[in-house]
């Protein structure tokens, strides 16, 4: 049975990650591997991070791409807004990951929505 994320974004081109809004992600966090590509200071900073997120800063992300692309299940990428996470998503898609989404608006949107 396809995951929630696969059903949402099944029609995307092979080189393009899907997008997910915070309201759609929140009830499905347990199903996803959430990767925050901000630096450690941002991850621990005032905006905080999504509970359970793994911090892999974008400047070292390329070294993790191969292992992450083998992950069985949805991967959601997040950053401050969504620019860095979009770049990380492109790397994952190019490495063969098929269930990759980007949190639209990043942590700024997540927090502004009261999460």
PDB file of N, CA and C in Angstrom:
ATOM      1  N   UNK A   1       0.843  -1.180   0.000  1.00  0.00           N
ATOM      2  CA  UNK A   1       0.000   0.000   0.000  1.00  0.00           C
ATOM      3  C   UNK A   1       0.888   1.244   0.000  1.00  0.00           C
ATOM      4  N   UNK A   2       0.700   2.177  -0.922  1.00  0.00           N
ATOM      5  CA  UNK A   2       1.530   3.363  -0.987  1.00  0.00           C
ATOM      6  C   UNK A   2       1.369   4.210   0.264  1.00  0.00           C
ATOM      7  N   UNK A   3       2.465   4.893   0.637  1.00  0.00           N
ATOM      8  CA  UNK A   3       2.399   5.756   1.810  1.00  0.00           C
ATOM      9  C   UNK A   3       1.565   6.997   1.508  1.00  0.00           C
ATOM     10  N   UNK A   4       1.200   7.688   2.552  1.00  0.00           N
ATOM     11  CA  UNK A   4       0.462   8.947   2.423  1.00  0.00           C
ATOM     12  C   UNK A   4       1.212   9.901   1.506  1.00  0.00           C
ATOM     13  N   UNK A   5       2.528   9.991   1.673  1.00  0.00           N
ATOM     14  CA  UNK A   5       3.338  10.913   0.896  1.00  0.00           C
ATOM     15  C   UNK A   5       3.389  10.505  -0.572  1.00  0.00           C
ATOM     16  N   UNK A   6       3.511   9.221  -0.831  1.00  0.00           N
ATOM     17  CA  UNK A   6       3.537   8.748  -2.215  1.00  0.00           C
ATOM     18  C   UNK A   6       2.232   9.071  -2.928  1.00  0.00           C
ATOM     19  N   UNK A   7       1.126   8.912  -2.235  1.00  0.00           N
ATOM     20  CA  UNK A   7      -0.167   9.219  -2.848  1.00  0.00           C
ATOM     21  C   UNK A   7      -0.291  10.697  -3.155  1.00  0.00           C
ATOM     22  N   UNK A   8       0.232  11.541  -2.279  1.00  0.00           N
ATOM     23  CA  UNK A   8       0.150  12.986  -2.505  1.00  0.00           C
ATOM     24  C   UNK A   8       0.977  13.425  -3.709  1.00  0.00           C
ATOM     25  N   UNK A   9       2.120  12.797  -3.887  1.00  0.00           N
ATOM     26  CA  UNK A   9       3.069  13.308  -4.868  1.00  0.00           C
ATOM     27  C   UNK A   9       3.435  12.313  -5.955  1.00  0.00           C
ATOM     28  N   UNK A  10       2.576  11.383  -6.263  1.00  0.00           N
ATOM     29  CA  UNK A  10       2.879  10.335  -7.231  1.00  0.00           C
ATOM     30  C   UNK A  10       3.094  10.864  -8.643  1.00  0.00           C
ATOM     31  N   UNK A  11       2.550  11.999  -8.997  1.00  0.00           N
ATOM     32  CA  UNK A  11       2.630  12.487 -10.370  1.00  0.00           C
ATOM     33  C   UNK A  11       3.796  13.438 -10.624  1.00  0.00           C
ATOM     34  N   UNK A  12       4.764  13.511  -9.740  1.00  0.00           N
ATOM     35  CA  UNK A  12       5.872  14.445  -9.950  1.00  0.00           C
ATOM     36  C   UNK A  12       6.935  13.853 -10.874  1.00  0.00           C
ATOM     37  N   UNK A  13       7.660  14.699 -11.613  1.00  0.00           N
ATOM     38  CA  UNK A  13       8.751  14.210 -12.454  1.00  0.00           C
ATOM     39  C   UNK A  13       9.845  13.571 -11.600  1.00  0.00           C
ATOM     40  N   UNK A  14      10.627  12.706 -12.190  1.00  0.00           N
ATOM     41  CA  UNK A  14      11.649  11.964 -11.458  1.00  0.00           C
ATOM     42  C   UNK A  14      12.679  12.853 -10.784  1.00  0.00           C
ATOM     43  N   UNK A  15      12.941  14.050 -11.343  1.00  0.00           N
ATOM     44  CA  UNK A  15      13.967  14.914 -10.762  1.00  0.00           C
ATOM     45  C   UNK A  15      13.386  16.013  -9.869  1.00  0.00           C
ATOM     46  N   UNK A  16      12.119  15.920  -9.519  1.00  0.00           N
ATOM     47  CA  UNK A  16      11.480  16.974  -8.740  1.00  0.00           C
ATOM     48  C   UNK A  16      10.866  16.416  -7.463  1.00  0.00           C
ATOM     49  N   UNK A  17      11.212  17.040  -6.336  1.00  0.00           N
ATOM     50  CA  UNK A  17      10.624  16.625  -5.066  1.00  0.00           C
ATOM     51  C   UNK A  17       9.237  17.217  -4.936  1.00  0.00           C
ATOM     52  N   UNK A  18       8.418  16.573  -4.155  1.00  0.00           N
ATOM     53  CA  UNK A  18       7.100  17.112  -3.857  1.00  0.00           C
ATOM     54  C   UNK A  18       7.175  18.101  -2.710  1.00  0.00           C
ATOM     55  N   UNK A  19       6.095  18.758  -2.476  1.00  0.00           N
ATOM     56  CA  UNK A  19       5.977  19.729  -1.390  1.00  0.00           C
ATOM     57  C   UNK A  19       4.880  19.263  -0.460  1.00  0.00           C
ATOM     58  N   UNK A  20       5.051  19.582   0.822  1.00  0.00           N
ATOM     59  CA  UNK A  20       4.015  19.255   1.789  1.00  0.00           C
ATOM     60  C   UNK A  20       3.845  20.433   2.735  1.00  0.00           C
ATOM     61  N   UNK A  21       2.618  20.744   3.038  1.00  0.00           N
ATOM     62  CA  UNK A  21       2.315  21.810   3.989  1.00  0.00           C
ATOM     63  C   UNK A  21       2.385  21.245   5.401  1.00  0.00           C
ATOM     64  N   UNK A  22       2.669  22.116   6.347  1.00  0.00           N
ATOM     65  CA  UNK A  22       2.749  21.697   7.739  1.00  0.00           C
ATOM     66  C   UNK A  22       1.489  21.011   8.222  1.00  0.00           C
ATOM     67  N   UNK A  23       0.338  21.508   7.802  1.00  0.00           N
ATOM     68  CA  UNK A  23      -0.935  20.911   8.241  1.00  0.00           C
ATOM     69  C   UNK A  23      -1.100  19.484   7.734  1.00  0.00           C
ATOM     70  N   UNK A  24      -0.483  19.174   6.592  1.00  0.00           N
ATOM     71  CA  UNK A  24      -0.547  17.814   6.058  1.00  0.00           C
ATOM     72  C   UNK A  24       0.513  16.906   6.681  1.00  0.00           C
ATOM     73  N   UNK A  25       1.650  17.490   7.023  1.00  0.00           N
ATOM     74  CA  UNK A  25       2.724  16.699   7.624  1.00  0.00           C
ATOM     75  C   UNK A  25       2.449  16.351   9.079  1.00  0.00           C
ATOM     76  N   UNK A  26       1.949  17.301   9.849  1.00  0.00           N
ATOM     77  CA  UNK A  26       1.816  17.124  11.300  1.00  0.00           C
ATOM     78  C   UNK A  26       1.170  15.797  11.703  1.00  0.00           C
ATOM     79  N   UNK A  27       0.049  15.405  11.121  1.00  0.00           N
ATOM     80  CA  UNK A  27      -0.566  14.148  11.569  1.00  0.00           C
ATOM     81  C   UNK A  27       0.151  12.889  11.077  1.00  0.00           C
ATOM     82  N   UNK A  28       1.176  13.049  10.234  1.00  0.00           N
ATOM     83  CA  UNK A  28       1.860  11.890   9.655  1.00  0.00           C
ATOM     84  C   UNK A  28       3.349  11.858   9.996  1.00  0.00           C
ATOM     85  N   UNK A  29       3.758  12.596  11.017  1.00  0.00           N
ATOM     86  CA  UNK A  29       5.174  12.653  11.370  1.00  0.00           C
ATOM     87  C   UNK A  29       5.765  11.279  11.689  1.00  0.00           C
ATOM     88  N   UNK A  30       5.008  10.422  12.308  1.00  0.00           N
ATOM     89  CA  UNK A  30       5.526   9.104  12.679  1.00  0.00           C
ATOM     90  C   UNK A  30       5.879   8.246  11.468  1.00  0.00           C
ATOM     91  N   UNK A  31       5.303   8.565  10.308  1.00  0.00           N
ATOM     92  CA  UNK A  31       5.564   7.795   9.090  1.00  0.00           C
ATOM     93  C   UNK A  31       6.805   8.256   8.343  1.00  0.00           C
ATOM     94  N   UNK A  32       7.353   9.417   8.690  1.00  0.00           N
ATOM     95  CA  UNK A  32       8.401  10.033   7.878  1.00  0.00           C
ATOM     96  C   UNK A  32       9.733  10.130   8.613  1.00  0.00           C
ATOM     97  N   UNK A  33      10.799  10.078   7.826  1.00  0.00           N
ATOM     98  CA  UNK A  33      12.123  10.432   8.307  1.00  0.00           C
ATOM     99  C   UNK A  33      12.273  11.918   8.008  1.00  0.00           C
ATOM    100  N   UNK A  34      12.335  12.735   9.044  1.00  0.00           N
ATOM    101  CA  UNK A  34      12.442  14.183   8.872  1.00  0.00           C
ATOM    102  C   UNK A  34      13.908  14.571   9.016  1.00  0.00           C
ATOM    103  N   UNK A  35      14.432  15.196   7.965  1.00  0.00           N
ATOM    104  CA  UNK A  35      15.820  15.644   7.938  1.00  0.00           C
ATOM    105  C   UNK A  35      15.827  17.163   7.880  1.00  0.00           C
ATOM    106  N   UNK A  36      16.479  17.784   8.853  1.00  0.00           N
ATOM    107  CA  UNK A  36      16.610  19.232   8.922  1.00  0.00           C
ATOM    108  C   UNK A  36      18.006  19.582   8.419  1.00  0.00           C
ATOM    109  N   UNK A  37      18.091  20.343   7.337  1.00  0.00           N
ATOM    110  CA  UNK A  37      19.383  20.622   6.705  1.00  0.00           C
ATOM    111  C   UNK A  37      20.000  21.948   7.149  1.00  0.00           C
ATOM    112  N   UNK A  38      19.441  22.563   8.180  1.00  0.00           N
ATOM    113  CA  UNK A  38      20.041  23.783   8.719  1.00  0.00           C
ATOM    114  C   UNK A  38      21.279  23.426   9.542  1.00  0.00           C
ATOM    115  N   UNK A  39      22.079  24.427   9.829  1.00  0.00           N
ATOM    116  CA  UNK A  39      23.247  24.218  10.678  1.00  0.00           C
ATOM    117  C   UNK A  39      22.833  23.905  12.106  1.00  0.00           C
ATOM    118  N   UNK A  40      23.756  23.353  12.901  1.00  0.00           N
ATOM    119  CA  UNK A  40      23.436  22.988  14.283  1.00  0.00           C
ATOM    120  C   UNK A  40      22.931  24.167  15.127  1.00  0.00           C
ATOM    121  N   UNK A  41      23.465  25.358  14.900  1.00  0.00           N
ATOM    122  CA  UNK A  41      23.015  26.524  15.646  1.00  0.00           C
ATOM    123  C   UNK A  41      21.569  26.874  15.357  1.00  0.00           C
ATOM    124  N   UNK A  42      21.175  26.749  14.098  1.00  0.00           N
ATOM    125  CA  UNK A  42      19.783  27.001  13.727  1.00  0.00           C
ATOM    126  C   UNK A  42      18.871  25.895  14.273  1.00  0.00           C
ATOM    127  N   UNK A  43      19.343  24.670  14.180  1.00  0.00           N
ATOM    128  CA  UNK A  43      18.578  23.517  14.640  1.00  0.00           C
ATOM    129  C   UNK A  43      18.231  23.664  16.123  1.00  0.00           C
ATOM    130  N   UNK A  44      19.192  24.155  16.913  1.00  0.00           N
ATOM    131  CA  UNK A  44      18.994  24.333  18.351  1.00  0.00           C
ATOM    132  C   UNK A  44      18.528  25.744  18.700  1.00  0.00           C
ATOM    133  N   UNK A  45      18.405  26.620  17.708  1.00  0.00           N
ATOM    134  CA  UNK A  45      18.100  28.035  17.925  1.00  0.00           C
ATOM    135  C   UNK A  45      16.652  28.332  18.228  1.00  0.00           C
ATOM    136  N   UNK A  46      16.293  29.608  18.119  1.00  0.00           N
ATOM    137  CA  UNK A  46      14.957  30.081  18.508  1.00  0.00           C
ATOM    138  C   UNK A  46      13.785  29.392  17.794  1.00  0.00           C
ATOM    139  N   UNK A  47      13.942  29.045  16.524  1.00  0.00           N
ATOM    140  CA  UNK A  47      12.851  28.346  15.830  1.00  0.00           C
ATOM    141  C   UNK A  47      12.769  26.881  16.232  1.00  0.00           C
ATOM    142  N   UNK A  48      13.836  26.388  16.831  1.00  0.00           N
ATOM    143  CA  UNK A  48      13.861  24.987  17.228  1.00  0.00           C
ATOM    144  C   UNK A  48      13.814  24.063  16.031  1.00  0.00           C
ATOM    145  N   UNK A  49      13.279  22.886  16.246  1.00  0.00           N
ATOM    146  CA  UNK A  49      13.198  21.886  15.179  1.00  0.00           C
ATOM    147  C   UNK A  49      11.981  20.997  15.426  1.00  0.00           C
ATOM    148  N   UNK A  50      11.616  20.267  14.424  1.00  0.00           N
ATOM    149  CA  UNK A  50      10.489  19.335  14.528  1.00  0.00           C
ATOM    150  C   UNK A  50      10.926  18.153  15.391  1.00  0.00           C
ATOM    151  N   UNK A  51      10.093  17.790  16.348  1.00  0.00           N
ATOM    152  CA  UNK A  51      10.413  16.653  17.218  1.00  0.00           C
ATOM    153  C   UNK A  51      10.728  15.423  16.376  1.00  0.00           C
ATOM    154  N   UNK A  52      11.845  14.788  16.700  1.00  0.00           N
ATOM    155  CA  UNK A  52      12.253  13.578  15.996  1.00  0.00           C
ATOM    156  C   UNK A  52      13.077  13.830  14.751  1.00  0.00           C
ATOM    157  N   UNK A  53      13.251  15.104  14.375  1.00  0.00           N
ATOM    158  CA  UNK A  53      14.035  15.412  13.173  1.00  0.00           C
ATOM    159  C   UNK A  53      15.512  15.095  13.404  1.00  0.00           C
ATOM    160  N   UNK A  54      16.148  14.692  12.340  1.00  0.00           N
ATOM    161  CA  UNK A  54      17.592  14.428  12.342  1.00  0.00           C
ATOM    162  C   UNK A  54      18.273  15.624  11.683  1.00  0.00           C
ATOM    163  N   UNK A  55      19.318  16.132  12.289  1.00  0.00           N
ATOM    164  CA  UNK A  55      20.024  17.296  11.755  1.00  0.00           C
ATOM    165  C   UNK A  55      21.204  16.852  10.896  1.00  0.00           C
ATOM    166  N   UNK A  56      21.104  17.116   9.591  1.00  0.00           N
ATOM    167  CA  UNK A  56      22.208  16.881   8.657  1.00  0.00           C
ATOM    168  C   UNK A  56      22.366  18.178   7.872  1.00  0.00           C
ATOM    169  N   UNK A  57      23.280  19.058   8.311  1.00  0.00           N
ATOM    170  CA  UNK A  57      23.448  20.346   7.633  1.00  0.00           C
ATOM    171  C   UNK A  57      23.750  20.184   6.142  1.00  0.00           C
ATOM    172  N   UNK A  58      23.269  21.122   5.367  1.00  0.00           N
ATOM    173  CA  UNK A  58      23.413  21.045   3.918  1.00  0.00           C
ATOM    174  C   UNK A  58      24.873  20.931   3.495  1.00  0.00           C
ATOM    175  N   UNK A  59      25.790  21.567   4.229  1.00  0.00           N
ATOM    176  CA  UNK A  59      27.197  21.522   3.822  1.00  0.00           C
ATOM    177  C   UNK A  59      27.828  20.133   3.978  1.00  0.00           C
ATOM    178  N   UNK A  60      27.180  19.213   4.680  1.00  0.00           N
ATOM    179  CA  UNK A  60      27.673  17.836   4.776  1.00  0.00           C
ATOM    180  C   UNK A  60      26.673  16.836   4.196  1.00  0.00           C
ATOM    181  N   UNK A  61      25.564  17.336   3.685  1.00  0.00           N
ATOM    182  CA  UNK A  61      24.483  16.495   3.194  1.00  0.00           C
ATOM    183  C   UNK A  61      24.920  15.565   2.066  1.00  0.00           C
ATOM    184  N   UNK A  62      25.762  16.055   1.175  1.00  0.00           N
ATOM    185  CA  UNK A  62      26.203  15.240   0.041  1.00  0.00           C
ATOM    186  C   UNK A  62      26.838  13.928   0.499  1.00  0.00           C
ATOM    187  N   UNK A  63      27.530  13.952   1.626  1.00  0.00           N
ATOM    188  CA  UNK A  63      28.149  12.744   2.157  1.00  0.00           C
ATOM    189  C   UNK A  63      27.148  11.730   2.690  1.00  0.00           C
ATOM    190  N   UNK A  64      25.938  12.148   2.938  1.00  0.00           N
ATOM    191  CA  UNK A  64      24.888  11.272   3.473  1.00  0.00           C
ATOM    192  C   UNK A  64      23.874  10.841   2.407  1.00  0.00           C
ATOM    193  N   UNK A  65      23.954  11.434   1.225  1.00  0.00           N
ATOM    194  CA  UNK A  65      22.951  11.232   0.188  1.00  0.00           C
ATOM    195  C   UNK A  65      22.783   9.769  -0.194  1.00  0.00           C
ATOM    196  N   UNK A  66      23.879   9.063  -0.392  1.00  0.00           N
ATOM    197  CA  UNK A  66      23.772   7.663  -0.827  1.00  0.00           C
ATOM    198  C   UNK A  66      23.025   6.823   0.211  1.00  0.00           C
ATOM    199  N   UNK A  67      23.392   6.951   1.468  1.00  0.00           N
ATOM    200  CA  UNK A  67      22.725   6.180   2.521  1.00  0.00           C
ATOM    201  C   UNK A  67      21.259   6.584   2.647  1.00  0.00           C
ATOM    202  N   UNK A  68      20.977   7.872   2.600  1.00  0.00           N
ATOM    203  CA  UNK A  68      19.594   8.331   2.720  1.00  0.00           C
ATOM    204  C   UNK A  68      18.737   7.877   1.546  1.00  0.00           C
ATOM    205  N   UNK A  69      19.317   7.815   0.364  1.00  0.00           N
ATOM    206  CA  UNK A  69      18.543   7.423  -0.817  1.00  0.00           C
ATOM    207  C   UNK A  69      18.067   5.974  -0.733  1.00  0.00           C
ATOM    208  N   UNK A  70      18.670   5.191   0.151  1.00  0.00           N
ATOM    209  CA  UNK A  70      18.271   3.789   0.329  1.00  0.00           C
ATOM    210  C   UNK A  70      17.195   3.627   1.398  1.00  0.00           C
ATOM    211  N   UNK A  71      16.828   4.732   2.032  1.00  0.00           N
ATOM    212  CA  UNK A  71      15.808   4.670   3.090  1.00  0.00           C
ATOM    213  C   UNK A  71      14.488   4.185   2.521  1.00  0.00           C
ATOM    214  N   UNK A  72      13.891   3.223   3.189  1.00  0.00           N
ATOM    215  CA  UNK A  72      12.592   2.691   2.778  1.00  0.00           C
ATOM    216  C   UNK A  72      11.510   3.482   3.493  1.00  0.00           C
ATOM    217  N   UNK A  73      10.875   4.371   2.803  1.00  0.00           N
ATOM    218  CA  UNK A  73       9.822   5.183   3.395  1.00  0.00           C
ATOM    219  C   UNK A  73      10.010   6.643   3.036  1.00  0.00           C
ATOM    220  N   UNK A  74       9.054   7.455   3.428  1.00  0.00           N
ATOM    221  CA  UNK A  74       9.098   8.870   3.066  1.00  0.00           C
ATOM    222  C   UNK A  74      10.175   9.646   3.819  1.00  0.00           C
ATOM    223  N   UNK A  75      10.779  10.570   3.106  1.00  0.00           N
ATOM    224  CA  UNK A  75      11.753  11.491   3.682  1.00  0.00           C
ATOM    225  C   UNK A  75      11.202  12.898   3.481  1.00  0.00           C
ATOM    226  N   UNK A  76      11.163  13.652   4.562  1.00  0.00           N
ATOM    227  CA  UNK A  76      10.727  15.039   4.495  1.00  0.00           C
ATOM    228  C   UNK A  76      11.914  15.911   4.878  1.00  0.00           C
ATOM    229  N   UNK A  77      12.235  16.861   4.018  1.00  0.00           N
ATOM    230  CA  UNK A  77      13.353  17.758   4.247  1.00  0.00           C
ATOM    231  C   UNK A  77      12.841  19.120   4.696  1.00  0.00           C
ATOM    232  N   UNK A  78      13.557  19.717   5.634  1.00  0.00           N
ATOM    233  CA  UNK A  78      13.144  21.001   6.191  1.00  0.00           C
ATOM    234  C   UNK A  78      14.365  21.873   6.431  1.00  0.00           C
ATOM    235  N   UNK A  79      14.175  23.181   6.300  1.00  0.00           N
ATOM    236  CA  UNK A  79      15.201  24.161   6.634  1.00  0.00           C
ATOM    237  C   UNK A  79      14.498  25.401   7.181  1.00  0.00           C
ATOM    238  N   UNK A  80      15.141  26.556   7.097  1.00  0.00           N
ATOM    239  CA  UNK A  80      14.548  27.784   7.627  1.00  0.00           C
ATOM    240  C   UNK A  80      13.287  28.160   6.846  1.00  0.00           C
ATOM    241  N   UNK A  81      13.403  28.257   5.535  1.00  0.00           N
ATOM    242  CA  UNK A  81      12.234  28.540   4.684  1.00  0.00           C
ATOM    243  C   UNK A  81      11.964  27.297   3.843  1.00  0.00           C
ATOM    244  N   UNK A  82      12.587  27.145   2.704  1.00  0.00           N
ATOM    245  CA  UNK A  82      12.524  25.878   1.966  1.00  0.00           C
ATOM    246  C   UNK A  82      13.551  25.837   0.842  1.00  0.00           C
ATOM    247  N   UNK A  83      14.468  26.784   0.818  1.00  0.00           N
ATOM    248  CA  UNK A  83      15.465  26.816  -0.256  1.00  0.00           C
ATOM    249  C   UNK A  83      16.527  25.743  -0.101  1.00  0.00           C
ATOM    250  N   UNK A  84      17.129  25.647   1.073  1.00  0.00           N
ATOM    251  CA  UNK A  84      18.169  24.632   1.283  1.00  0.00           C
ATOM    252  C   UNK A  84      17.584  23.224   1.219  1.00  0.00           C
ATOM    253  N   UNK A  85      16.396  23.054   1.778  1.00  0.00           N
ATOM    254  CA  UNK A  85      15.788  21.722   1.741  1.00  0.00           C
ATOM    255  C   UNK A  85      15.440  21.324   0.310  1.00  0.00           C
ATOM    256  N   UNK A  86      15.092  22.281  -0.527  1.00  0.00           N
ATOM    257  CA  UNK A  86      14.830  21.990  -1.943  1.00  0.00           C
ATOM    258  C   UNK A  86      16.104  21.518  -2.634  1.00  0.00           C
ATOM    259  N   UNK A  87      17.228  22.147  -2.311  1.00  0.00           N
ATOM    260  CA  UNK A  87      18.516  21.728  -2.883  1.00  0.00           C
ATOM    261  C   UNK A  87      18.867  20.318  -2.423  1.00  0.00           C
ATOM    262  N   UNK A  88      18.652  20.035  -1.148  1.00  0.00           N
ATOM    263  CA  UNK A  88      18.929  18.692  -0.626  1.00  0.00           C
ATOM    264  C   UNK A  88      18.019  17.658  -1.294  1.00  0.00           C
ATOM    265  N   UNK A  89      16.770  18.022  -1.515  1.00  0.00           N
ATOM    266  CA  UNK A  89      15.831  17.117  -2.177  1.00  0.00           C
ATOM    267  C   UNK A  89      16.304  16.773  -3.587  1.00  0.00           C
ATOM    268  N   UNK A  90      16.829  17.749  -4.293  1.00  0.00           N
ATOM    269  CA  UNK A  90      17.337  17.495  -5.645  1.00  0.00           C
ATOM    270  C   UNK A  90      18.472  16.477  -5.614  1.00  0.00           C
ATOM    271  N   UNK A  91      19.352  16.575  -4.617  1.00  0.00           N
ATOM    272  CA  UNK A  91      20.445  15.602  -4.477  1.00  0.00           C
ATOM    273  C   UNK A  91      19.887  14.200  -4.217  1.00  0.00           C
ATOM    274  N   UNK A  92      18.912  14.108  -3.336  1.00  0.00           N
ATOM    275  CA  UNK A  92      18.326  12.800  -3.030  1.00  0.00           C
ATOM    276  C   UNK A  92      17.619  12.192  -4.231  1.00  0.00           C
ATOM    277  N   UNK A  93      16.856  13.004  -4.942  1.00  0.00           N
ATOM    278  CA  UNK A  93      16.155  12.500  -6.130  1.00  0.00           C
ATOM    279  C   UNK A  93      17.159  12.022  -7.170  1.00  0.00           C
ATOM    280  N   UNK A  94      18.241  12.776  -7.366  1.00  0.00           N
ATOM    281  CA  UNK A  94      19.263  12.379  -8.332  1.00  0.00           C
ATOM    282  C   UNK A  94      19.945  11.069  -7.925  1.00  0.00           C
ATOM    283  N   UNK A  95      20.001  10.815  -6.614  1.00  0.00           N
ATOM    284  CA  UNK A  95      20.618   9.582  -6.112  1.00  0.00           C
ATOM    285  C   UNK A  95      19.652   8.403  -6.134  1.00  0.00           C
ATOM    286  N   UNK A  96      18.404   8.650  -6.545  1.00  0.00           N
ATOM    287  CA  UNK A  96      17.456   7.558  -6.689  1.00  0.00           C
ATOM    288  C   UNK A  96      16.367   7.475  -5.630  1.00  0.00           C
ATOM    289  N   UNK A  97      16.351   8.382  -4.679  1.00  0.00           N
ATOM    290  CA  UNK A  97      15.283   8.361  -3.674  1.00  0.00           C
ATOM    291  C   UNK A  97      13.967   8.721  -4.353  1.00  0.00           C
ATOM    292  N   UNK A  98      12.915   7.993  -4.014  1.00  0.00           N
ATOM    293  CA  UNK A  98      11.654   8.200  -4.721  1.00  0.00           C
ATOM    294  C   UNK A  98      10.567   8.862  -3.891  1.00  0.00           C
ATOM    295  N   UNK A  99      10.701   8.868  -2.586  1.00  0.00           N
ATOM    296  CA  UNK A  99       9.645   9.401  -1.729  1.00  0.00           C
ATOM    297  C   UNK A  99      10.207  10.567  -0.918  1.00  0.00           C
ATOM    298  N   UNK A 100      10.480  11.674  -1.600  1.00  0.00           N
ATOM    299  CA  UNK A 100      11.114  12.847  -0.997  1.00  0.00           C
ATOM    300  C   UNK A 100      10.167  14.032  -1.097  1.00  0.00           C
ATOM    301  N   UNK A 101       9.944  14.686   0.022  1.00  0.00           N
ATOM    302  CA  UNK A 101       9.128  15.892   0.034  1.00  0.00           C
ATOM    303  C   UNK A 101       9.853  16.990   0.794  1.00  0.00           C
ATOM    304  N   UNK A 102       9.447  18.217   0.528  1.00  0.00           N
ATOM    305  CA  UNK A 102      10.008  19.405   1.175  1.00  0.00           C
ATOM    306  C   UNK A 102       8.889  20.089   1.943  1.00  0.00           C
ATOM    307  N   UNK A 103       9.164  20.441   3.180  1.00  0.00           N
ATOM    308  CA  UNK A 103       8.182  21.173   3.975  1.00  0.00           C
ATOM    309  C   UNK A 103       8.090  22.601   3.441  1.00  0.00           C
ATOM    310  N   UNK A 104       6.955  22.927   2.857  1.00  0.00           N
ATOM    311  CA  UNK A 104       6.759  24.253   2.263  1.00  0.00           C
ATOM    312  C   UNK A 104       6.828  25.327   3.355  1.00  0.00           C
ATOM    313  N   UNK A 105       7.729  26.280   3.147  1.00  0.00           N
ATOM    314  CA  UNK A 105       7.893  27.373   4.096  1.00  0.00           C
ATOM    315  C   UNK A 105       8.810  27.057   5.257  1.00  0.00           C
ATOM    316  N   UNK A 106       9.275  25.822   5.358  1.00  0.00           N
ATOM    317  CA  UNK A 106      10.238  25.422   6.382  1.00  0.00           C
ATOM    318  C   UNK A 106       9.771  25.680   7.809  1.00  0.00           C
ATOM    319  N   UNK A 107      10.755  25.889   8.682  1.00  0.00           N
ATOM    320  CA  UNK A 107      10.454  26.099  10.100  1.00  0.00           C
ATOM    321  C   UNK A 107       9.734  27.419  10.337  1.00  0.00           C
ATOM    322  N   UNK A 108       9.950  28.390   9.477  1.00  0.00           N
ATOM    323  CA  UNK A 108       9.234  29.660   9.625  1.00  0.00           C
ATOM    324  C   UNK A 108       7.731  29.406   9.528  1.00  0.00           C
ATOM    325  N   UNK A 109       7.312  28.676   8.503  1.00  0.00           N
ATOM    326  CA  UNK A 109       5.891  28.365   8.338  1.00  0.00           C
ATOM    327  C   UNK A 109       5.406  27.438   9.449  1.00  0.00           C
ATOM    328  N   UNK A 110       6.200  26.431   9.786  1.00  0.00           N
ATOM    329  CA  UNK A 110       5.826  25.466  10.822  1.00  0.00           C
ATOM    330  C   UNK A 110       5.492  26.197  12.123  1.00  0.00           C
ATOM    331  N   UNK A 111       6.365  27.122  12.519  1.00  0.00           N
ATOM    332  CA  UNK A 111       6.151  27.867  13.767  1.00  0.00           C
ATOM    333  C   UNK A 111       4.998  28.886  13.637  1.00  0.00           C
ATOM    334  N   UNK A 112       4.891  29.514  12.483  1.00  0.00           N
ATOM    335  CA  UNK A 112       3.818  30.511  12.310  1.00  0.00           C
ATOM    336  C   UNK A 112       2.439  29.855  12.354  1.00  0.00           C
ATOM    337  N   UNK A 113       2.405  28.544  12.076  1.00  0.00           N
ATOM    338  CA  UNK A 113       1.155  27.784  12.155  1.00  0.00           C
ATOM    339  C   UNK A 113       0.890  27.266  13.569  1.00  0.00           C
ATOM    340  N   UNK A 114       1.769  27.628  14.512  1.00  0.00           N
ATOM    341  CA  UNK A 114       1.577  27.232  15.892  1.00  0.00           C
ATOM    342  C   UNK A 114       2.087  25.851  16.244  1.00  0.00           C
ATOM    343  N   UNK A 115       2.971  25.329  15.444  1.00  0.00           N
ATOM    344  CA  UNK A 115       3.521  23.997  15.732  1.00  0.00           C
ATOM    345  C   UNK A 115       4.845  24.125  16.449  1.00  0.00           C
TER     346      UNK A 115
END
